[in-house]
Amino acid sequence: MAFIITSPCKDEKAAECVEVCPVDCIEEGKDMFYIDPDICIDCGACEAVCPVEAIYHEDELPEEEREYIEINRKFFQE
């Protein structure tokens, strides 16, 4: 998994990330967006345009947002 969308996206869903993704790996969920780790090419385009700074590379994910790794994983398992 490369990039993770975290809590600032919840109920925000600004969608700039979706528009710039070159591989269409960002999917809309009920209350936020999710990045498909099997499709993401780790380009960082989404992170640069996120107006609420909700997207992090997994290696740079703040400790308080680590639960979003599992939340993202579950979204794509369903």
Protein backbone atom coordinates (compact mmCIF):
# COMPACT_ATOMS: atom_id res chain seq x y z
CA MET A 1 0.00 0.00 0.00
CA ALA A 2 1.41 3.38 -0.91
CA PHE A 3 -0.90 6.25 -0.02
CA ILE A 4 -3.66 6.33 2.59
CA ILE A 5 -6.59 8.75 2.86
CA THR A 6 -7.23 9.67 6.49
CA SER A 7 -9.74 11.34 8.83
CA PRO A 8 -9.73 14.89 7.38
CA CYS A 9 -11.45 13.42 4.29
CA LYS A 10 -14.28 11.95 6.31
CA ASP A 11 -17.47 13.79 5.36
CA GLU A 12 -15.40 16.25 3.25
CA LYS A 13 -14.97 14.40 -0.06
CA ALA A 14 -13.52 17.35 -1.99
CA ALA A 15 -12.55 15.04 -4.92
CA GLU A 16 -9.54 16.92 -6.27
CA CYS A 17 -7.59 13.71 -5.70
CA VAL A 18 -9.89 11.74 -7.99
CA GLU A 19 -9.49 14.28 -10.78
CA VAL A 20 -5.67 14.13 -10.82
CA CYS A 21 -5.12 10.40 -10.34
CA PRO A 22 -3.55 9.06 -13.56
CA VAL A 23 -4.63 5.45 -12.89
CA ASP A 24 -8.10 5.95 -11.37
CA CYS A 25 -7.23 4.18 -8.15
CA ILE A 26 -9.34 6.39 -5.87
CA GLU A 27 -12.84 5.19 -5.14
CA GLU A 28 -15.67 6.98 -3.39
CA GLY A 29 -17.12 5.39 -0.29
CA LYS A 30 -20.12 6.36 1.77
CA ASP A 31 -18.37 9.11 3.73
CA MET A 32 -14.85 9.43 2.25
CA PHE A 33 -12.53 8.35 -0.57
CA TYR A 34 -10.21 5.33 -0.57
CA ILE A 35 -7.05 4.48 -2.54
CA ASP A 36 -6.86 1.00 -4.05
CA PRO A 37 -3.36 -0.24 -3.16
CA ASP A 38 -3.38 -2.75 -6.03
CA ILE A 39 -3.81 0.02 -8.62
CA CYS A 40 -1.92 2.96 -7.04
CA ILE A 41 1.40 3.67 -8.77
CA ASP A 42 2.76 5.74 -5.86
CA CYS A 43 2.98 8.96 -7.91
CA GLY A 44 1.84 11.35 -5.16
CA ALA A 45 -0.40 13.47 -7.40
CA CYS A 46 -3.34 13.02 -5.04
CA GLU A 47 -1.37 14.07 -1.97
CA ALA A 48 -0.29 17.32 -3.60
CA VAL A 49 -3.83 18.51 -4.39
CA CYS A 50 -5.75 17.42 -1.29
CA PRO A 51 -7.26 20.62 0.17
CA VAL A 52 -7.68 19.10 3.64
CA GLU A 53 -4.27 17.36 3.75
CA ALA A 54 -5.83 13.95 4.33
CA ILE A 55 -3.49 11.90 2.12
CA TYR A 56 -0.22 10.48 3.41
CA HIS A 57 2.32 8.01 2.16
CA GLU A 58 2.03 4.99 4.43
CA ASP A 59 5.59 5.51 5.70
CA GLU A 60 4.72 9.07 6.79
CA LEU A 61 1.32 8.34 8.32
CA PRO A 62 0.87 10.06 11.71
CA GLU A 63 0.42 7.60 14.56
CA GLU A 64 -3.11 8.88 15.30
CA GLU A 65 -4.15 8.06 11.70
CA ARG A 66 -2.72 4.52 11.51
CA GLU A 67 -6.18 2.98 11.92
CA TYR A 68 -6.92 4.13 8.37
CA ILE A 69 -4.60 1.47 6.98
CA GLU A 70 -7.07 -1.17 8.18
CA ILE A 71 -10.11 0.93 7.26
CA ASN A 72 -8.77 1.21 3.70
CA ARG A 73 -7.99 -2.51 3.55
CA LYS A 74 -11.51 -3.43 4.68
CA PHE A 75 -13.11 -1.11 2.10
CA PHE A 76 -11.45 -3.02 -0.74
CA GLN A 77 -12.20 -6.45 0.75
CA GLU A 78 -15.96 -5.83 0.65
